[in-house]
Amino acid sequence: MSYSDAKLRAILERTRRIACVGVSLNPTRPSYFVARYLTLKGFAVFGVNPAYAGQEEFGQTIVASLADLPEPVDMVDIFRRSDQAGAVVDEALATLGPELKTIWMQIGVEDAEAAARAEARGIDVIMNRCPKIEYQRLFGELRWGGFATGVISSKLGS
């Protein structure tokens, strides 16, 4: 799967509210630090995990399912195994309204059939990528770590 930088940047620029399905409250888990990072960048992040439903984190109450979200989201970020991603996509398609613009499957998560179902409804799908990493790469934050981002910027130290 190849996604242009322009497409990834456009998705991240238009997104304001994200449902993180499979979020953990364990700060060593990738889903926790991705959700925390996105919150720090100004995104409203809604954790979705029945194991933590009712608990507060990332400035929101964690809910058990996408149907329980308190407001519409622009993106669903899936932290589940590939064999579970299709069910998450189907739940999103069945319960979320027209505000949903993107289904994002995390690194290692792919389901081409589920992606096709979402794309048939006009929803962008990104698979096997991380929005945190892509945000950092596309908006120049990885240079500090020695990564070659391929993004040229005149901003000093950014």
N, C-alpha and C. Protein backbone atom coordinates (compact mmCIF):
# COMPACT_ATOMS: atom_id res chain seq x y z
N MET A 1 0.82 -1.17 0.00
CA MET A 1 0.00 0.00 0.00
C MET A 1 0.87 1.24 0.00
N SER A 2 0.64 2.03 -0.98
CA SER A 2 1.40 3.26 -1.11
C SER A 2 0.43 4.43 -1.05
N TYR A 3 0.71 5.34 -0.18
CA TYR A 3 -0.13 6.53 -0.03
C TYR A 3 0.75 7.75 -0.25
N SER A 4 0.27 8.68 -1.03
CA SER A 4 1.07 9.88 -1.28
C SER A 4 1.13 10.73 0.00
N ASP A 5 2.22 11.45 0.12
CA ASP A 5 2.34 12.37 1.25
C ASP A 5 1.21 13.40 1.22
N ALA A 6 0.81 13.83 0.03
CA ALA A 6 -0.27 14.81 -0.08
C ALA A 6 -1.58 14.26 0.48
N LYS A 7 -1.87 12.99 0.19
CA LYS A 7 -3.10 12.38 0.71
C LYS A 7 -3.04 12.26 2.23
N LEU A 8 -1.93 11.77 2.76
CA LEU A 8 -1.80 11.62 4.21
C LEU A 8 -1.88 12.97 4.91
N ARG A 9 -1.21 13.98 4.35
CA ARG A 9 -1.25 15.31 4.94
C ARG A 9 -2.67 15.87 4.92
N ALA A 10 -3.37 15.71 3.80
CA ALA A 10 -4.74 16.22 3.70
C ALA A 10 -5.65 15.57 4.75
N ILE A 11 -5.49 14.27 4.94
CA ILE A 11 -6.30 13.57 5.95
C ILE A 11 -6.00 14.12 7.33
N LEU A 12 -4.74 14.26 7.67
CA LEU A 12 -4.37 14.74 9.00
C LEU A 12 -4.78 16.20 9.21
N GLU A 13 -4.75 17.00 8.16
CA GLU A 13 -5.14 18.40 8.30
C GLU A 13 -6.65 18.56 8.47
N ARG A 14 -7.45 17.71 7.85
CA ARG A 14 -8.90 17.86 7.96
C ARG A 14 -9.48 17.19 9.21
N THR A 15 -8.73 16.29 9.81
CA THR A 15 -9.22 15.51 10.96
C THR A 15 -9.12 16.32 12.24
N ARG A 16 -10.19 16.29 13.03
CA ARG A 16 -10.19 16.96 14.33
C ARG A 16 -10.58 16.02 15.46
N ARG A 17 -11.43 15.02 15.17
CA ARG A 17 -11.94 14.12 16.21
C ARG A 17 -11.66 12.68 15.79
N ILE A 18 -11.00 11.94 16.69
CA ILE A 18 -10.55 10.58 16.37
C ILE A 18 -11.05 9.61 17.43
N ALA A 19 -11.62 8.50 16.96
CA ALA A 19 -11.97 7.39 17.86
C ALA A 19 -10.86 6.36 17.76
N CYS A 20 -10.19 6.08 18.87
CA CYS A 20 -9.11 5.08 18.91
C CYS A 20 -9.69 3.78 19.46
N VAL A 21 -9.94 2.84 18.56
CA VAL A 21 -10.54 1.57 18.93
C VAL A 21 -9.44 0.61 19.39
N GLY A 22 -9.59 0.12 20.62
CA GLY A 22 -8.58 -0.76 21.19
C GLY A 22 -7.55 -0.01 22.01
N VAL A 23 -7.88 1.22 22.40
CA VAL A 23 -6.95 2.03 23.19
C VAL A 23 -6.68 1.35 24.53
N SER A 24 -5.47 1.53 25.01
CA SER A 24 -5.08 1.01 26.32
C SER A 24 -4.79 2.17 27.26
N LEU A 25 -4.96 1.92 28.55
CA LEU A 25 -4.56 2.92 29.54
C LEU A 25 -3.18 2.62 30.12
N ASN A 26 -2.53 1.61 29.58
CA ASN A 26 -1.17 1.29 29.97
C ASN A 26 -0.23 2.20 29.17
N PRO A 27 0.50 3.11 29.85
CA PRO A 27 1.31 4.09 29.13
C PRO A 27 2.47 3.50 28.32
N THR A 28 2.73 2.22 28.47
CA THR A 28 3.79 1.61 27.65
C THR A 28 3.25 1.01 26.36
N ARG A 29 1.93 0.99 26.20
CA ARG A 29 1.32 0.41 24.99
C ARG A 29 1.27 1.46 23.87
N PRO A 30 1.53 1.05 22.64
CA PRO A 30 1.49 2.00 21.52
C PRO A 30 0.16 2.75 21.41
N SER A 31 -0.95 2.09 21.67
CA SER A 31 -2.24 2.78 21.54
C SER A 31 -2.36 3.93 22.54
N TYR A 32 -1.75 3.78 23.71
CA TYR A 32 -1.79 4.85 24.71
C TYR A 32 -0.95 6.04 24.25
N PHE A 33 0.31 5.78 23.84
CA PHE A 33 1.13 6.94 23.51
C PHE A 33 0.75 7.58 22.19
N VAL A 34 0.12 6.84 21.28
CA VAL A 34 -0.40 7.47 20.06
C VAL A 34 -1.58 8.36 20.43
N ALA A 35 -2.52 7.86 21.22
CA ALA A 35 -3.68 8.67 21.62
C ALA A 35 -3.23 9.90 22.40
N ARG A 36 -2.28 9.74 23.29
CA ARG A 36 -1.79 10.87 24.08
C ARG A 36 -1.13 11.91 23.18
N TYR A 37 -0.29 11.45 22.26
CA TYR A 37 0.39 12.37 21.34
C TYR A 37 -0.63 13.15 20.51
N LEU A 38 -1.61 12.45 19.95
CA LEU A 38 -2.61 13.12 19.12
C LEU A 38 -3.40 14.15 19.94
N THR A 39 -3.68 13.82 21.20
CA THR A 39 -4.36 14.77 22.09
C THR A 39 -3.49 16.02 22.27
N LEU A 40 -2.20 15.82 22.49
CA LEU A 40 -1.29 16.95 22.68
C LEU A 40 -1.18 17.81 21.43
N LYS A 41 -1.47 17.24 20.28
CA LYS A 41 -1.43 17.98 19.01
C LYS A 41 -2.75 18.66 18.71
N GLY A 42 -3.71 18.57 19.62
CA GLY A 42 -4.95 19.30 19.46
C GLY A 42 -6.12 18.51 18.92
N PHE A 43 -5.92 17.21 18.68
CA PHE A 43 -7.03 16.37 18.24
C PHE A 43 -7.88 15.99 19.45
N ALA A 44 -9.18 15.89 19.27
CA ALA A 44 -10.05 15.32 20.30
C ALA A 44 -10.00 13.81 20.10
N VAL A 45 -9.52 13.09 21.11
CA VAL A 45 -9.34 11.64 21.00
C VAL A 45 -10.32 10.95 21.94
N PHE A 46 -11.11 10.05 21.37
CA PHE A 46 -12.10 9.30 22.12
C PHE A 46 -11.64 7.84 22.17
N GLY A 47 -11.30 7.36 23.35
CA GLY A 47 -10.90 5.97 23.50
C GLY A 47 -12.11 5.06 23.42
N VAL A 48 -11.93 3.93 22.72
CA VAL A 48 -12.98 2.93 22.61
C VAL A 48 -12.40 1.60 23.03
N ASN A 49 -12.85 1.11 24.20
CA ASN A 49 -12.38 -0.17 24.71
C ASN A 49 -13.30 -0.57 25.87
N PRO A 50 -14.04 -1.66 25.74
CA PRO A 50 -14.97 -2.04 26.81
C PRO A 50 -14.27 -2.30 28.15
N ALA A 51 -13.00 -2.66 28.12
CA ALA A 51 -12.28 -2.92 29.37
C ALA A 51 -12.08 -1.66 30.20
N TYR A 52 -12.11 -0.49 29.56
CA TYR A 52 -11.87 0.77 30.26
C TYR A 52 -13.07 1.70 30.23
N ALA A 53 -14.21 1.23 29.74
CA ALA A 53 -15.39 2.08 29.58
C ALA A 53 -15.73 2.80 30.89
N GLY A 54 -15.99 4.08 30.79
CA GLY A 54 -16.33 4.90 31.94
C GLY A 54 -15.15 5.61 32.56
N GLN A 55 -13.94 5.18 32.26
CA GLN A 55 -12.76 5.84 32.81
C GLN A 55 -12.41 7.06 31.95
N GLU A 56 -11.76 8.03 32.58
CA GLU A 56 -11.38 9.26 31.90
C GLU A 56 -9.92 9.20 31.48
N GLU A 57 -9.67 9.58 30.24
CA GLU A 57 -8.29 9.72 29.73
C GLU A 57 -8.35 10.52 28.44
N PHE A 58 -7.30 11.22 28.15
CA PHE A 58 -7.18 12.04 26.93
C PHE A 58 -8.26 13.13 26.88
N GLY A 59 -8.75 13.54 28.05
CA GLY A 59 -9.76 14.59 28.12
C GLY A 59 -11.18 14.13 27.80
N GLN A 60 -11.38 12.81 27.71
CA GLN A 60 -12.69 12.27 27.35
C GLN A 60 -12.97 11.03 28.21
N THR A 61 -14.22 10.62 28.21
CA THR A 61 -14.60 9.36 28.85
C THR A 61 -14.47 8.24 27.83
N ILE A 62 -13.79 7.17 28.20
CA ILE A 62 -13.63 6.03 27.31
C ILE A 62 -14.98 5.31 27.21
N VAL A 63 -15.32 4.90 26.00
CA VAL A 63 -16.59 4.22 25.76
C VAL A 63 -16.35 2.77 25.34
N ALA A 64 -17.40 1.96 25.45
CA ALA A 64 -17.29 0.53 25.15
C ALA A 64 -17.31 0.23 23.66
N SER A 65 -18.01 1.06 22.88
CA SER A 65 -18.13 0.78 21.45
C SER A 65 -18.28 2.09 20.68
N LEU A 66 -18.14 2.01 19.37
CA LEU A 66 -18.29 3.19 18.53
C LEU A 66 -19.71 3.77 18.66
N ALA A 67 -20.68 2.93 18.88
CA ALA A 67 -22.06 3.39 19.04
C ALA A 67 -22.23 4.27 20.28
N ASP A 68 -21.32 4.17 21.23
CA ASP A 68 -21.40 4.93 22.48
C ASP A 68 -20.68 6.27 22.43
N LEU A 69 -20.08 6.62 21.31
CA LEU A 69 -19.35 7.89 21.22
C LEU A 69 -20.29 9.06 21.50
N PRO A 70 -19.82 10.06 22.27
CA PRO A 70 -20.69 11.17 22.64
C PRO A 70 -20.91 12.19 21.52
N GLU A 71 -20.07 12.13 20.49
CA GLU A 71 -20.20 13.06 19.37
C GLU A 71 -19.59 12.43 18.12
N PRO A 72 -19.88 12.99 16.96
CA PRO A 72 -19.34 12.42 15.72
C PRO A 72 -17.81 12.52 15.67
N VAL A 73 -17.19 11.60 14.94
CA VAL A 73 -15.75 11.63 14.74
C VAL A 73 -15.45 11.68 13.25
N ASP A 74 -14.27 12.20 12.92
CA ASP A 74 -13.79 12.28 11.54
C ASP A 74 -13.04 11.02 11.14
N MET A 75 -12.40 10.38 12.14
CA MET A 75 -11.53 9.25 11.87
C MET A 75 -11.72 8.17 12.92
N VAL A 76 -11.63 6.92 12.46
CA VAL A 76 -11.54 5.78 13.36
C VAL A 76 -10.15 5.20 13.18
N ASP A 77 -9.38 5.15 14.26
CA ASP A 77 -8.02 4.61 14.27
C ASP A 77 -8.09 3.25 14.94
N ILE A 78 -7.73 2.19 14.19
CA ILE A 78 -7.94 0.82 14.66
C ILE A 78 -6.67 0.21 15.22
N PHE A 79 -6.69 -0.07 16.52
CA PHE A 79 -5.62 -0.79 17.22
C PHE A 79 -6.12 -2.18 17.55
N ARG A 80 -6.45 -2.95 16.55
CA ARG A 80 -6.90 -4.33 16.73
C ARG A 80 -6.18 -5.18 15.69
N ARG A 81 -6.20 -6.48 15.89
CA ARG A 81 -5.56 -7.38 14.93
C ARG A 81 -6.29 -7.31 13.59
N SER A 82 -5.59 -7.67 12.54
CA SER A 82 -6.18 -7.64 11.20
C SER A 82 -7.46 -8.45 11.11
N ASP A 83 -7.49 -9.60 11.80
CA ASP A 83 -8.70 -10.44 11.71
C ASP A 83 -9.89 -9.83 12.46
N GLN A 84 -9.68 -8.76 13.20
CA GLN A 84 -10.76 -8.07 13.90
C GLN A 84 -11.10 -6.72 13.27
N ALA A 85 -10.27 -6.28 12.35
CA ALA A 85 -10.46 -4.96 11.75
C ALA A 85 -11.77 -4.85 10.97
N GLY A 86 -12.14 -5.89 10.28
CA GLY A 86 -13.37 -5.86 9.50
C GLY A 86 -14.60 -5.59 10.34
N ALA A 87 -14.66 -6.19 11.50
CA ALA A 87 -15.80 -5.97 12.40
C ALA A 87 -15.83 -4.51 12.88
N VAL A 88 -14.67 -3.94 13.13
CA VAL A 88 -14.61 -2.53 13.54
C VAL A 88 -15.09 -1.64 12.40
N VAL A 89 -14.62 -1.92 11.20
CA VAL A 89 -15.05 -1.13 10.03
C VAL A 89 -16.55 -1.25 9.85
N ASP A 90 -17.08 -2.45 9.95
CA ASP A 90 -18.53 -2.64 9.79
C ASP A 90 -19.32 -1.89 10.86
N GLU A 91 -18.83 -1.91 12.10
CA GLU A 91 -19.49 -1.16 13.17
C GLU A 91 -19.46 0.34 12.86
N ALA A 92 -18.31 0.83 12.39
CA ALA A 92 -18.19 2.25 12.05
C ALA A 92 -19.16 2.62 10.93
N LEU A 93 -19.24 1.79 9.91
CA LEU A 93 -20.14 2.07 8.79
C LEU A 93 -21.60 2.04 9.23
N ALA A 94 -21.93 1.17 10.16
CA ALA A 94 -23.31 1.02 10.61
C ALA A 94 -23.75 2.09 11.61
N THR A 95 -22.80 2.61 12.41
CA THR A 95 -23.21 3.47 13.52
C THR A 95 -22.77 4.92 13.42
N LEU A 96 -21.74 5.20 12.63
CA LEU A 96 -21.24 6.57 12.56
C LEU A 96 -21.82 7.29 11.35
N GLY A 97 -22.01 8.56 11.48
CA GLY A 97 -22.67 9.33 10.44
C GLY A 97 -21.74 9.80 9.34
N PRO A 98 -22.25 10.76 8.58
CA PRO A 98 -21.50 11.25 7.41
C PRO A 98 -20.23 12.03 7.77
N GLU A 99 -20.06 12.36 9.05
CA GLU A 99 -18.82 13.05 9.46
C GLU A 99 -17.61 12.15 9.33
N LEU A 100 -17.81 10.84 9.39
CA LEU A 100 -16.70 9.89 9.28
C LEU A 100 -16.10 9.98 7.89
N LYS A 101 -14.83 10.35 7.83
CA LYS A 101 -14.14 10.52 6.55
C LYS A 101 -12.99 9.54 6.36
N THR A 102 -12.48 8.98 7.47
CA THR A 102 -11.28 8.15 7.37
C THR A 102 -11.34 6.96 8.31
N ILE A 103 -10.96 5.81 7.78
CA ILE A 103 -10.67 4.62 8.59
C ILE A 103 -9.16 4.44 8.50
N TRP A 104 -8.50 4.40 9.64
CA TRP A 104 -7.04 4.28 9.67
C TRP A 104 -6.70 3.01 10.44
N MET A 105 -6.02 2.09 9.79
CA MET A 105 -5.60 0.85 10.45
C MET A 105 -4.11 0.98 10.78
N GLN A 106 -3.80 0.70 12.02
CA GLN A 106 -2.44 0.88 12.53
C GLN A 106 -1.42 -0.04 11.86
N ILE A 107 -0.17 0.18 12.18
CA ILE A 107 0.93 -0.63 11.64
C ILE A 107 0.64 -2.10 11.93
N GLY A 108 0.72 -2.91 10.88
CA GLY A 108 0.47 -4.34 11.01
C GLY A 108 -0.98 -4.74 10.83
N VAL A 109 -1.87 -3.75 10.68
CA VAL A 109 -3.30 -4.04 10.53
C VAL A 109 -3.71 -3.78 9.09
N GLU A 110 -4.22 -4.83 8.46
CA GLU A 110 -4.68 -4.74 7.07
C GLU A 110 -5.90 -5.63 6.88
N ASP A 111 -6.88 -5.11 6.14
CA ASP A 111 -8.05 -5.89 5.75
C ASP A 111 -8.57 -5.26 4.46
N ALA A 112 -8.15 -5.80 3.33
CA ALA A 112 -8.50 -5.22 2.03
C ALA A 112 -10.00 -5.26 1.77
N GLU A 113 -10.68 -6.31 2.20
CA GLU A 113 -12.13 -6.40 1.98
C GLU A 113 -12.87 -5.34 2.79
N ALA A 114 -12.47 -5.15 4.04
CA ALA A 114 -13.09 -4.11 4.86
C ALA A 114 -12.79 -2.73 4.28
N ALA A 115 -11.56 -2.55 3.80
CA ALA A 115 -11.19 -1.28 3.18
C ALA A 115 -12.08 -1.00 1.98
N ALA A 116 -12.32 -2.01 1.16
CA ALA A 116 -13.17 -1.83 -0.02
C ALA A 116 -14.59 -1.45 0.37
N ARG A 117 -15.12 -2.03 1.45
CA ARG A 117 -16.47 -1.68 1.92
C ARG A 117 -16.53 -0.20 2.32
N ALA A 118 -15.51 0.26 3.02
CA ALA A 118 -15.48 1.66 3.45
C ALA A 118 -15.29 2.60 2.25
N GLU A 119 -14.36 2.24 1.36
CA GLU A 119 -14.11 3.08 0.20
C GLU A 119 -15.34 3.18 -0.69
N ALA A 120 -16.14 2.11 -0.77
CA ALA A 120 -17.38 2.13 -1.56
C ALA A 120 -18.37 3.15 -1.00
N ARG A 121 -18.21 3.51 0.27
CA ARG A 121 -19.06 4.52 0.92
C ARG A 121 -18.41 5.91 0.88
N GLY A 122 -17.28 6.04 0.18
CA GLY A 122 -16.61 7.33 0.05
C GLY A 122 -15.69 7.68 1.19
N ILE A 123 -15.31 6.69 1.98
CA ILE A 123 -14.43 6.92 3.13
C ILE A 123 -13.01 6.56 2.73
N ASP A 124 -12.06 7.44 3.07
CA ASP A 124 -10.65 7.15 2.84
C ASP A 124 -10.19 6.08 3.80
N VAL A 125 -9.34 5.18 3.32
CA VAL A 125 -8.80 4.11 4.16
C VAL A 125 -7.29 4.12 4.06
N ILE A 126 -6.64 4.09 5.21
CA ILE A 126 -5.19 3.96 5.30
C ILE A 126 -4.93 2.70 6.10
N MET A 127 -4.06 1.84 5.59
CA MET A 127 -3.73 0.60 6.29
C MET A 127 -2.23 0.52 6.54
N ASN A 128 -1.88 -0.17 7.64
CA ASN A 128 -0.49 -0.46 7.97
C ASN A 128 0.35 0.80 8.13
N ARG A 129 -0.24 1.83 8.70
CA ARG A 129 0.45 3.08 8.98
C ARG A 129 0.00 3.59 10.34
N CYS A 130 0.77 4.51 10.88
CA CYS A 130 0.44 5.12 12.17
C CYS A 130 0.26 6.63 11.99
N PRO A 131 -0.88 7.18 12.42
CA PRO A 131 -1.07 8.62 12.25
C PRO A 131 -0.06 9.46 13.04
N LYS A 132 0.39 8.95 14.17
CA LYS A 132 1.41 9.68 14.95
C LYS A 132 2.69 9.78 14.16
N ILE A 133 3.16 8.68 13.62
CA ILE A 133 4.40 8.68 12.85
C ILE A 133 4.25 9.54 11.60
N GLU A 134 3.13 9.40 10.92
CA GLU A 134 2.92 10.18 9.70
C GLU A 134 2.82 11.67 10.03
N TYR A 135 2.16 12.03 11.12
CA TYR A 135 2.09 13.43 11.53
C TYR A 135 3.50 13.97 11.79
N GLN A 136 4.26 13.22 12.55
CA GLN A 136 5.62 13.67 12.86
C GLN A 136 6.46 13.79 11.59
N ARG A 137 6.34 12.84 10.71
CA ARG A 137 7.14 12.84 9.48
C ARG A 137 6.72 14.00 8.57
N LEU A 138 5.43 14.17 8.37
CA LEU A 138 4.95 15.16 7.41
C LEU A 138 5.01 16.59 7.92
N PHE A 139 4.99 16.76 9.23
CA PHE A 139 5.03 18.11 9.78
C PHE A 139 6.39 18.41 10.43
N GLY A 140 7.41 17.64 10.05
CA GLY A 140 8.80 17.97 10.36
C GLY A 140 9.27 17.68 11.76
N GLU A 141 8.59 16.84 12.52
CA GLU A 141 8.99 16.59 13.90
C GLU A 141 10.01 15.46 14.06
N LEU A 142 10.24 14.66 13.05
CA LEU A 142 11.15 13.53 13.21
C LEU A 142 12.62 13.90 13.02
N ARG A 143 12.90 15.07 12.49
CA ARG A 143 14.30 15.45 12.26
C ARG A 143 15.12 15.40 13.54
N TRP A 144 14.50 15.75 14.67
CA TRP A 144 15.23 15.76 15.93
C TRP A 144 15.75 14.36 16.28
N GLY A 145 15.06 13.35 15.82
CA GLY A 145 15.48 11.98 16.09
C GLY A 145 16.44 11.43 15.06
N GLY A 146 16.83 12.24 14.08
CA GLY A 146 17.78 11.80 13.07
C GLY A 146 17.15 11.11 11.89
N PHE A 147 15.82 11.20 11.76
CA PHE A 147 15.15 10.56 10.63
C PHE A 147 15.17 11.48 9.42
N ALA A 148 15.36 10.92 8.26
CA ALA A 148 15.24 11.67 7.02
C ALA A 148 13.77 11.67 6.63
N THR A 149 13.10 12.82 6.79
CA THR A 149 11.66 12.87 6.56
C THR A 149 11.30 13.08 5.11
N GLY A 150 12.22 13.62 4.33
CA GLY A 150 11.89 13.95 2.95
C GLY A 150 11.10 15.24 2.85
N VAL A 151 10.85 15.91 3.98
CA VAL A 151 10.12 17.16 4.00
C VAL A 151 11.13 18.28 4.16
N ILE A 152 11.08 19.22 3.26
CA ILE A 152 12.00 20.37 3.32
C ILE A 152 11.28 21.53 3.96
N SER A 153 11.92 22.14 4.94
CA SER A 153 11.30 23.24 5.66
C SER A 153 12.35 24.32 5.92
N SER A 154 11.91 25.56 5.88
CA SER A 154 12.82 26.67 6.20
C SER A 154 12.76 27.01 7.69
N LYS A 155 11.90 26.29 8.43
CA LYS A 155 11.78 26.56 9.86
C LYS A 155 12.98 25.96 10.59
N LEU A 156 13.68 26.79 11.31
CA LEU A 156 14.84 26.34 12.08
C LEU A 156 14.38 25.60 13.32
N GLY A 157 14.90 24.39 13.51
CA GLY A 157 14.64 23.63 14.73
C GLY A 157 13.26 23.05 14.84
N SER A 158 12.58 22.89 13.74
CA SER A 158 11.23 22.30 13.83
C SER A 158 11.19 20.96 13.14
